[in-house]
């Protein structure tokens, strides 16, 4: 019996040990689950738009929403404080928000006027800070005047359709654009609708007045979350740097100066490389931000081609040269302006002034720089090492007519190639290098030698 009792005690101990192990494993499992839950906090993606709606804002929101999708966030909060901006860019942002599958909440932190109102209505929910307002979406020109009715009609239609898509009153949305729309005593006669916080809540254009993002998320049933603040990356910051008008002016100087130096010293390569680098740094940031349209880039290329044709193919300086310069300068200005195929209705006059002044100042600066640097470079030791700057006079033993056995002055012949102003001529079946006094001479035209000093003959057309 004693042995059996001992055996029973051992069995009881084993059972207790198993129970303790089970409890330990259950505790560990619960700890792992809790830790996993802590790591799986909802992700809230925060974007801030506190400036005018323009191509930069358009690109910022595009990249931000793409980033939010890549991170797999649960909510996007778009904080707005804007008086509006470009209708075309606002429409792009609106469309993007309507097609976005992740819930987007607008947090109006003071103002969402005009284009800002359109963007707000395109989101799933609208929250407003104390003292904020939404509305006044009448389309205005760059000078602040009401735009023509075709733009107002388009704005009314997209405000209406956007409100319908997000479950808000479309007539009120139209009333934010058109002062003549009667909205059941909501709109004062002769004024477009602009809601305060309480009015927006009353009419379904705001969920609640909030004090910040925490308040918004609590109202959505989210107590704890991971907040991800979106900022432009280093590459976008660099692009923004090159959009600065001062930097754009320097790049235009590089383009003009590089082309001029290359024409004066063909084959060197460095000036042309500098011009191409300046052109790339000028075009790419403006193109990526939606400022440089394809037709503007094409206009710039056409202008450069016309200038090249005038210099290398067509003699003198005529229509091609004038058109080329006009196209090039115009394109450099237009690239900096958010115009729509020469429609400057929504281009601010201050922006147009800055673009024009920047371009012409850069061109004049490039000309001045060419004169200053031209003198300094030719007098530098580096230039003297690679270029012949001494005069090779006859008194020092130099001679230039080693291949001519007789004086050629007065002899007549024909042009073997085009002289523009230099080229080749043929006299008595012998080909010579020749140049004119600046005149253009075509092929097979009669010429006469007027000077035979140097290695080339100076000729004139008979």
Protein backbone atom coordinates (compact mmCIF):
# COMPACT_ATOMS: atom_id res chain seq x y z
CA UNK A 1 0.00 0.00 0.00
CA UNK A 2 2.83 2.34 0.88
CA UNK A 3 4.23 2.05 -2.61
CA UNK A 4 0.85 2.75 -4.13
CA UNK A 5 0.43 5.85 -1.99
CA UNK A 6 3.84 7.08 -3.05
CA UNK A 7 2.93 6.44 -6.66
CA UNK A 8 -0.25 8.46 -6.21
CA UNK A 9 1.66 11.40 -4.78
CA UNK A 10 3.98 11.38 -7.77
CA UNK A 11 0.97 11.38 -10.10
CA UNK A 12 -0.56 14.33 -8.26
CA UNK A 13 2.68 16.28 -8.52
CA UNK A 14 2.85 15.60 -12.24
CA UNK A 15 -0.71 16.87 -12.70
CA UNK A 16 0.07 20.03 -10.77
CA UNK A 17 3.17 20.58 -12.90
CA UNK A 18 1.13 20.15 -16.10
CA UNK A 19 -1.47 22.64 -14.82
CA UNK A 20 1.28 25.16 -14.06
CA UNK A 21 2.76 24.68 -17.53
CA UNK A 22 -0.65 25.17 -19.14
CA UNK A 23 -1.20 28.33 -17.12
CA UNK A 24 2.26 29.58 -18.11
CA UNK A 25 1.66 28.95 -21.80
CA UNK A 26 -1.79 30.58 -21.64
CA UNK A 27 -0.25 33.62 -19.94
CA UNK A 28 2.49 33.84 -22.57
CA UNK A 29 -0.07 33.47 -25.36
CA UNK A 30 -2.17 36.29 -23.91
CA UNK A 31 0.94 38.47 -23.62
CA UNK A 32 1.80 37.81 -27.27
CA UNK A 33 -1.77 38.65 -28.35
CA UNK A 34 -1.76 41.87 -26.31
CA UNK A 35 1.66 42.83 -27.70
CA UNK A 36 0.38 42.11 -31.19
CA UNK A 37 -2.63 44.29 -30.58
CA UNK A 38 -0.38 47.12 -29.42
CA UNK A 39 1.62 46.88 -32.63
CA UNK A 40 -1.57 46.87 -34.72
CA UNK A 41 -2.76 50.33 -33.73
CA UNK A 42 -4.80 52.11 -36.43
CA UNK A 43 -2.62 54.28 -38.68
CA UNK A 44 -3.73 57.88 -39.21
CA UNK A 45 -2.07 59.74 -42.11
CA UNK A 46 -1.95 63.53 -41.70
CA UNK A 47 -1.55 65.95 -44.65
CA UNK A 48 -1.40 69.73 -44.28
CA UNK A 49 -2.45 72.21 -46.99
CA UNK A 50 -2.08 75.75 -45.69
CA UNK A 51 -1.36 77.65 -48.90
CA UNK A 52 -3.06 78.43 -52.21
CA UNK A 53 -4.27 75.53 -54.33
CA UNK A 54 -1.83 75.36 -57.24
CA UNK A 55 0.29 72.78 -59.10
CA UNK A 56 2.54 72.37 -56.05
CA UNK A 57 -0.44 71.56 -53.83
CA UNK A 58 -1.80 69.27 -56.52
CA UNK A 59 1.42 67.29 -56.62
CA UNK A 60 1.71 67.28 -52.81
CA UNK A 61 -1.71 65.67 -52.42
CA UNK A 62 -1.07 63.21 -55.25
CA UNK A 63 2.18 61.99 -53.70
CA UNK A 64 0.64 62.00 -50.22
CA UNK A 65 -2.31 59.81 -51.15
CA UNK A 66 0.01 57.42 -52.98
CA UNK A 67 2.16 57.20 -49.84
CA UNK A 68 -0.91 56.57 -47.66
CA UNK A 69 -1.92 53.67 -49.90
CA UNK A 70 1.59 52.20 -49.84
CA UNK A 71 1.66 52.33 -46.02
CA UNK A 72 -1.77 50.74 -45.77
CA UNK A 73 -3.12 53.40 -43.39
CA UNK A 74 -6.62 53.25 -41.93
CA UNK A 75 -7.51 56.96 -42.06
CA UNK A 76 -6.34 60.07 -43.87
CA UNK A 77 -6.82 63.51 -42.31
CA UNK A 78 -6.46 66.44 -44.72
CA UNK A 79 -5.97 69.62 -42.71
CA UNK A 80 -6.99 72.70 -44.70
CA UNK A 81 -6.42 76.41 -44.25
CA UNK A 82 -6.73 78.00 -47.67
CA UNK A 83 -8.56 80.78 -49.47
CA UNK A 84 -8.62 78.74 -52.69
CA UNK A 85 -6.57 78.80 -55.85
CA UNK A 86 -6.48 77.28 -59.32
CA UNK A 87 -9.71 75.59 -60.39
CA UNK A 88 -7.92 73.04 -62.59
CA UNK A 89 -5.71 71.84 -59.73
CA UNK A 90 -8.63 71.79 -57.27
CA UNK A 91 -10.59 69.63 -59.73
CA UNK A 92 -7.67 67.19 -59.97
CA UNK A 93 -7.51 66.91 -56.17
CA UNK A 94 -11.32 66.53 -55.93
CA UNK A 95 -11.32 63.68 -58.46
CA UNK A 96 -8.46 61.97 -56.68
CA UNK A 97 -10.26 62.15 -53.32
CA UNK A 98 -13.54 60.82 -54.71
CA UNK A 99 -11.73 57.80 -56.18
CA UNK A 100 -9.68 57.13 -53.01
CA UNK A 101 -10.79 53.99 -51.14
CA UNK A 102 -9.40 54.84 -47.67
CA UNK A 103 -11.61 57.13 -45.50
CA UNK A 104 -10.52 60.77 -45.79
CA UNK A 105 -11.53 63.37 -43.18
CA UNK A 106 -11.15 67.09 -43.78
CA UNK A 107 -10.07 69.15 -40.79
CA UNK A 108 -10.78 72.81 -41.60
CA UNK A 109 -8.43 74.75 -39.38
CA UNK A 110 -9.80 78.26 -40.05
CA UNK A 111 -10.62 78.60 -43.79
CA UNK A 112 -11.78 76.42 -46.68
CA UNK A 113 -12.89 78.96 -49.25
CA UNK A 114 -13.43 78.56 -52.99
CA UNK A 115 -11.26 75.65 -54.20
CA UNK A 116 -10.80 74.67 -50.55
CA UNK A 117 -14.57 74.23 -50.19
CA UNK A 118 -14.66 71.98 -53.27
CA UNK A 119 -11.87 69.80 -51.88
CA UNK A 120 -13.58 69.58 -48.46
CA UNK A 121 -16.90 68.45 -49.95
CA UNK A 122 -15.07 65.66 -51.82
CA UNK A 123 -13.98 63.96 -48.57
CA UNK A 124 -15.94 61.49 -46.44
CA UNK A 125 -16.30 63.69 -43.36
CA UNK A 126 -15.72 67.36 -42.54
CA UNK A 127 -14.65 68.64 -39.13
CA UNK A 128 -14.04 72.29 -38.30
CA UNK A 129 -12.03 74.14 -35.68
CA UNK A 130 -13.64 76.92 -33.66
CA UNK A 131 -14.06 80.09 -35.72
CA UNK A 132 -13.63 78.32 -39.07
CA UNK A 133 -15.66 78.83 -42.25
CA UNK A 134 -16.43 77.01 -45.49
CA UNK A 135 -17.88 78.26 -48.79
CA UNK A 136 -17.53 81.31 -51.07
CA UNK A 137 -16.62 79.18 -54.08
CA UNK A 138 -17.21 81.76 -56.81
CA UNK A 139 -14.52 81.49 -59.48
CA UNK A 140 -12.38 84.63 -59.75
CA UNK A 141 -9.67 85.71 -62.16
CA UNK A 142 -6.09 86.53 -61.27
CA UNK A 143 -7.16 90.12 -60.58
CA UNK A 144 -9.86 89.10 -58.11
CA UNK A 145 -12.81 89.79 -60.43
CA UNK A 146 -15.56 87.24 -61.07
CA UNK A 147 -14.61 84.93 -63.93
CA UNK A 148 -16.82 84.61 -67.06
CA UNK A 149 -20.02 82.55 -66.72
CA UNK A 150 -18.54 79.50 -68.47
CA UNK A 151 -16.18 79.02 -65.51
CA UNK A 152 -18.97 79.68 -62.97
CA UNK A 153 -21.16 77.13 -64.74
CA UNK A 154 -18.40 74.53 -64.63
CA UNK A 155 -17.73 75.22 -60.93
CA UNK A 156 -21.46 74.92 -60.13
CA UNK A 157 -21.65 71.58 -61.90
CA UNK A 158 -18.64 70.02 -60.15
CA UNK A 159 -19.75 71.38 -56.75
CA UNK A 160 -23.19 69.87 -57.32
CA UNK A 161 -21.90 66.49 -58.52
CA UNK A 162 -19.33 66.31 -55.71
CA UNK A 163 -21.98 67.02 -53.06
CA UNK A 164 -24.22 64.33 -54.57
CA UNK A 165 -21.34 61.83 -54.52
CA UNK A 166 -20.64 62.43 -50.81
CA UNK A 167 -24.25 62.67 -49.62
CA UNK A 168 -24.49 66.43 -49.09
CA UNK A 169 -27.08 68.91 -50.33
CA UNK A 170 -26.15 69.71 -53.98
CA UNK A 171 -28.23 72.88 -54.06
CA UNK A 172 -26.33 74.34 -51.10
CA UNK A 173 -23.07 73.40 -52.82
CA UNK A 174 -24.22 75.34 -55.91
CA UNK A 175 -25.22 78.25 -53.70
CA UNK A 176 -21.60 78.51 -52.57
CA UNK A 177 -20.78 79.44 -56.18
CA UNK A 178 -23.77 81.38 -57.51
CA UNK A 179 -25.29 84.29 -55.61
CA UNK A 180 -28.52 84.04 -57.64
CA UNK A 181 -29.45 80.53 -56.47
CA UNK A 182 -32.30 80.53 -53.96
CA UNK A 183 -31.66 77.97 -51.20
CA UNK A 184 -34.68 78.12 -48.84
CA UNK A 185 -33.66 81.31 -47.03
CA UNK A 186 -30.16 79.90 -46.34
CA UNK A 187 -28.50 82.22 -48.86
CA UNK A 188 -28.79 85.98 -48.45
CA UNK A 189 -29.86 87.60 -51.72
CA UNK A 190 -26.87 88.76 -53.75
CA UNK A 191 -24.34 86.77 -51.68
CA UNK A 192 -22.86 83.33 -52.07
CA UNK A 193 -23.15 80.85 -49.20
CA UNK A 194 -20.41 80.83 -46.59
CA UNK A 195 -21.03 78.72 -43.48
CA UNK A 196 -19.73 79.22 -39.97
CA UNK A 197 -19.13 76.09 -37.90
CA UNK A 198 -22.65 75.95 -36.42
CA UNK A 199 -24.26 76.65 -39.81
CA UNK A 200 -22.17 73.98 -41.51
CA UNK A 201 -23.17 71.45 -38.83
CA UNK A 202 -26.84 72.40 -39.15
CA UNK A 203 -26.90 71.93 -42.92
CA UNK A 204 -24.80 68.77 -43.12
CA UNK A 205 -21.52 70.27 -44.29
CA UNK A 206 -19.67 69.53 -41.05
CA UNK A 207 -19.85 66.62 -38.61
CA UNK A 208 -18.70 68.53 -35.52
CA UNK A 209 -16.56 71.30 -34.09
CA UNK A 210 -13.28 69.81 -32.89
CA UNK A 211 -10.11 70.91 -31.17
CA UNK A 212 -7.68 68.78 -33.15
CA UNK A 213 -6.89 65.36 -34.61
CA UNK A 214 -7.37 63.58 -31.25
CA UNK A 215 -10.90 64.89 -31.06
CA UNK A 216 -11.65 63.77 -34.62
CA UNK A 217 -10.41 60.23 -33.99
CA UNK A 218 -12.29 59.91 -30.68
CA UNK A 219 -15.50 60.81 -32.50
CA UNK A 220 -14.64 58.01 -34.93
CA UNK A 221 -14.27 55.56 -32.03
CA UNK A 222 -10.47 55.45 -32.16
CA UNK A 223 -8.83 56.16 -28.80
CA UNK A 224 -5.27 55.09 -29.63
CA UNK A 225 -3.62 55.35 -33.01
CA UNK A 226 -0.31 55.83 -34.81
CA UNK A 227 -0.07 59.31 -36.35
CA UNK A 228 1.99 59.61 -39.55
CA UNK A 229 2.72 63.21 -40.56
CA UNK A 230 3.43 63.50 -44.29
CA UNK A 231 6.27 65.71 -45.49
CA UNK A 232 7.77 65.98 -48.94
CA UNK A 233 10.94 63.93 -49.37
CA UNK A 234 14.37 65.30 -50.11
CA UNK A 235 13.88 64.99 -53.88
CA UNK A 236 10.66 67.02 -53.76
CA UNK A 237 12.34 69.66 -51.60
CA UNK A 238 15.08 69.94 -54.23
CA UNK A 239 12.44 70.34 -56.95
CA UNK A 240 10.76 73.08 -54.91
CA UNK A 241 14.16 74.80 -54.59
CA UNK A 242 14.57 74.96 -58.37
CA UNK A 243 11.08 76.47 -58.73
CA UNK A 244 12.29 79.59 -56.89
CA UNK A 245 12.23 82.53 -59.38
CA UNK A 246 15.79 83.55 -58.41
CA UNK A 247 17.10 80.04 -59.11
CA UNK A 248 15.09 79.91 -62.34
CA UNK A 249 16.79 83.15 -63.42
CA UNK A 250 20.23 81.67 -62.83
CA UNK A 251 19.29 78.59 -64.86
CA UNK A 252 18.09 80.78 -67.75
CA UNK A 253 21.46 82.56 -67.63
CA UNK A 254 23.18 79.16 -67.86
CA UNK A 255 21.08 78.22 -70.88
CA UNK A 256 21.61 81.47 -72.79
CA UNK A 257 25.26 81.88 -71.84
CA UNK A 258 26.12 78.27 -72.64
CA UNK A 259 24.54 78.44 -76.08
CA UNK A 260 26.31 81.73 -76.89
CA UNK A 261 29.74 80.50 -75.75
CA UNK A 262 29.31 77.29 -77.73
CA UNK A 263 28.48 79.25 -80.89
CA UNK A 264 31.57 81.41 -80.38
CA UNK A 265 33.87 78.45 -79.69
CA UNK A 266 32.31 75.44 -81.47
CA UNK A 267 33.65 72.05 -80.49
CA UNK A 268 34.69 72.95 -76.93
CA UNK A 269 31.67 71.16 -75.50
CA UNK A 270 31.69 72.55 -71.95
CA UNK A 271 29.45 75.59 -72.67
CA UNK A 272 26.94 73.38 -74.47
CA UNK A 273 26.99 70.92 -71.57
CA UNK A 274 26.30 73.77 -69.12
CA UNK A 275 23.40 74.95 -71.30
CA UNK A 276 21.88 71.45 -71.42
CA UNK A 277 22.28 71.04 -67.65
CA UNK A 278 20.58 74.40 -67.06
CA UNK A 279 17.76 73.43 -69.44
CA UNK A 280 17.16 70.12 -67.64
CA UNK A 281 17.20 71.72 -64.18
CA UNK A 282 14.80 74.39 -65.42
CA UNK A 283 12.32 72.15 -67.25
CA UNK A 284 12.09 69.05 -65.03
CA UNK A 285 10.87 70.74 -61.78
CA UNK A 286 8.31 72.86 -63.66
CA UNK A 287 7.14 69.83 -65.66
CA UNK A 288 6.80 67.56 -62.61
CA UNK A 289 4.78 70.21 -60.78
CA UNK A 290 2.38 70.62 -63.69
CA UNK A 291 3.54 74.10 -64.68
CA UNK A 292 5.37 73.17 -67.88
CA UNK A 293 2.86 71.78 -70.36
CA UNK A 294 3.92 69.66 -73.35
CA UNK A 295 3.12 72.46 -75.80
CA UNK A 296 5.28 74.91 -73.83
CA UNK A 297 8.24 72.53 -73.93
CA UNK A 298 7.63 72.01 -77.67
CA UNK A 299 7.58 75.80 -78.18
CA UNK A 300 10.96 76.07 -76.44
CA UNK A 301 12.46 73.32 -78.61
CA UNK A 302 11.08 74.95 -81.79
CA UNK A 303 12.58 78.29 -80.74
CA UNK A 304 16.03 76.78 -80.22
CA UNK A 305 15.83 74.95 -83.57
CA UNK A 306 14.87 78.16 -85.40
CA UNK A 307 17.83 80.01 -83.85
CA UNK A 308 20.17 77.18 -84.90
CA UNK A 309 18.76 77.23 -88.46
CA UNK A 310 19.28 80.99 -88.64
CA UNK A 311 22.90 80.70 -87.50
CA UNK A 312 24.05 77.62 -89.39
CA UNK A 313 21.89 77.43 -92.50
CA UNK A 314 20.23 80.72 -93.45
CA UNK A 315 22.60 83.65 -94.13
CA UNK A 316 22.23 86.92 -92.29
CA UNK A 317 19.62 87.39 -89.58
CA UNK A 318 15.97 87.36 -90.58
CA UNK A 319 12.54 85.90 -89.89
CA UNK A 320 13.74 82.54 -88.50
CA UNK A 321 16.01 84.22 -86.00
CA UNK A 322 13.38 86.66 -84.79
CA UNK A 323 10.77 83.89 -84.49
CA UNK A 324 13.27 81.64 -82.72
CA UNK A 325 14.17 84.26 -80.13
CA UNK A 326 10.50 85.14 -79.62
CA UNK A 327 9.47 81.50 -79.19
CA UNK A 328 12.33 80.76 -76.79
CA UNK A 329 11.76 83.78 -74.55
CA UNK A 330 7.97 83.30 -74.59
CA UNK A 331 8.24 79.64 -73.63
CA UNK A 332 10.62 80.40 -70.75
CA UNK A 333 8.03 82.85 -69.37
CA UNK A 334 5.00 80.64 -70.01
CA UNK A 335 6.60 77.64 -68.31
CA UNK A 336 6.63 79.60 -65.04
CA UNK A 337 2.93 80.51 -65.32
CA UNK A 338 -0.04 78.24 -64.64
CA UNK A 339 -1.87 79.24 -67.84
CA UNK A 340 -4.17 77.10 -69.95
CA UNK A 341 -3.15 77.39 -73.62
CA UNK A 342 -2.63 81.17 -73.48
CA UNK A 343 -5.67 81.59 -71.21
CA UNK A 344 -4.38 83.84 -68.43
CA UNK A 345 -7.73 84.36 -66.69
CA UNK A 346 -6.54 82.67 -63.50
CA UNK A 347 -2.93 83.83 -63.61
CA UNK A 348 -2.16 86.33 -60.88
CA UNK A 349 -0.76 89.57 -62.32
CA UNK A 350 2.01 89.51 -59.70
CA UNK A 351 3.08 86.01 -60.82
CA UNK A 352 3.11 87.14 -64.47
CA UNK A 353 5.22 90.16 -63.57
CA UNK A 354 7.70 88.01 -61.64
CA UNK A 355 8.00 85.54 -64.55
CA UNK A 356 8.62 88.30 -67.13
CA UNK A 357 11.12 90.18 -64.96
CA UNK A 358 12.94 86.95 -64.05
CA UNK A 359 13.34 85.93 -67.70
CA UNK A 360 14.49 89.28 -69.08
CA UNK A 361 16.77 89.97 -66.11
CA UNK A 362 18.39 86.58 -66.63
CA UNK A 363 18.90 87.26 -70.36
CA UNK A 364 20.42 90.70 -69.71
CA UNK A 365 22.53 89.20 -66.93
CA UNK A 366 23.77 86.51 -69.29
CA UNK A 367 24.81 89.15 -71.87
CA UNK A 368 26.64 91.20 -69.22
CA UNK A 369 28.26 88.07 -67.87
CA UNK A 370 29.46 87.10 -71.33
CA UNK A 371 31.28 90.42 -71.78
CA UNK A 372 32.83 90.33 -68.30
CA UNK A 373 33.80 86.66 -68.33
CA UNK A 374 34.87 86.83 -71.98
CA UNK A 375 37.58 89.38 -71.17
CA UNK A 376 38.67 87.63 -67.98
CA UNK A 377 38.80 84.19 -69.57
CA UNK A 378 40.90 85.32 -72.54
CA UNK A 379 43.34 87.01 -70.14
CA UNK A 380 43.60 84.02 -67.83
CA UNK A 381 46.64 81.73 -67.72
CA UNK A 382 44.49 78.66 -68.36
CA UNK A 383 43.13 80.15 -71.60
CA UNK A 384 46.62 81.16 -72.75
CA UNK A 385 47.79 77.58 -72.34
CA UNK A 386 45.13 76.18 -74.64
CA UNK A 387 44.78 79.05 -77.13
CA UNK A 388 47.18 80.95 -79.39
CA UNK A 389 47.02 84.56 -78.21
CA UNK A 390 50.31 85.91 -79.62
CA UNK A 391 50.44 87.75 -82.94
CA UNK A 392 52.64 85.92 -85.45
CA UNK A 393 54.22 88.83 -87.36
CA UNK A 394 56.52 88.58 -90.35
CA UNK A 395 59.36 90.43 -88.52
CA UNK A 396 59.63 87.53 -86.07
CA UNK A 397 60.05 84.98 -88.84
CA UNK A 398 56.44 83.90 -89.32
CA UNK A 399 54.98 83.50 -92.80
CA UNK A 400 51.44 82.63 -93.79
CA UNK A 401 51.42 82.11 -97.55
CA UNK A 402 53.61 79.04 -97.76
CA UNK A 403 51.25 77.21 -100.10
CA UNK A 404 50.83 80.11 -102.57
CA UNK A 405 53.63 80.43 -105.12
CA UNK A 406 52.42 83.77 -106.44
CA UNK A 407 50.39 86.76 -105.42
CA UNK A 408 46.69 86.06 -105.77
CA UNK A 409 45.24 89.58 -105.51
CA UNK A 410 43.10 90.36 -108.56
CA UNK A 411 42.69 86.75 -109.65
CA UNK A 412 39.18 85.58 -110.37
CA UNK A 413 37.46 82.26 -109.91
CA UNK A 414 34.27 80.71 -108.55
CA UNK A 415 33.04 79.72 -105.13
CA UNK A 416 33.50 76.00 -104.54
CA UNK A 417 31.31 75.98 -101.42
CA UNK A 418 29.04 78.46 -99.71
CA UNK A 419 31.00 81.30 -98.06
CA UNK A 420 29.22 82.18 -94.81
CA UNK A 421 31.53 84.12 -94.51
CA UNK A 422 34.27 81.48 -94.87
CA UNK A 423 34.45 78.51 -97.22
CA UNK A 424 36.39 77.36 -100.27
CA UNK A 425 36.97 78.78 -103.75
CA UNK A 426 38.49 77.42 -106.93
CA UNK A 427 40.94 79.37 -109.12
CA UNK A 428 42.61 77.77 -112.15
CA UNK A 429 41.56 74.29 -111.00
CA UNK A 430 43.15 74.88 -107.58
CA UNK A 431 41.01 74.91 -104.40
CA UNK A 432 41.80 77.54 -101.74
CA UNK A 433 40.40 78.48 -98.33
CA UNK A 434 38.70 81.85 -98.51
CA UNK A 435 36.48 84.25 -96.61
CA UNK A 436 34.45 87.36 -97.36
CA UNK A 437 34.09 90.70 -95.59
CA UNK A 438 30.95 89.33 -93.97
CA UNK A 439 28.86 88.90 -97.08
CA UNK A 440 27.16 85.68 -98.13
CA UNK A 441 28.26 84.05 -101.38
CA UNK A 442 26.52 80.98 -102.79
CA UNK A 443 28.03 78.03 -104.67
CA UNK A 444 29.46 78.56 -108.19
CA UNK A 445 29.34 82.34 -108.03
CA UNK A 446 32.08 84.48 -109.56
CA UNK A 447 34.56 85.92 -107.07
CA UNK A 448 37.71 88.06 -107.07
CA UNK A 449 40.62 87.93 -104.62
CA UNK A 450 41.12 91.24 -102.81
CA UNK A 451 43.76 90.11 -100.29
CA UNK A 452 46.11 87.13 -100.01
CA UNK A 453 47.55 87.74 -96.56
CA UNK A 454 47.25 84.90 -94.09
CA UNK A 455 46.34 81.32 -94.81
CA UNK A 456 43.03 82.19 -96.45
CA UNK A 457 42.20 84.43 -99.38
CA UNK A 458 39.91 87.38 -98.85
CA UNK A 459 37.42 87.58 -101.71
CA UNK A 460 34.45 89.54 -102.92
CA UNK A 461 31.57 88.67 -105.22
CA UNK A 462 31.87 89.97 -108.76
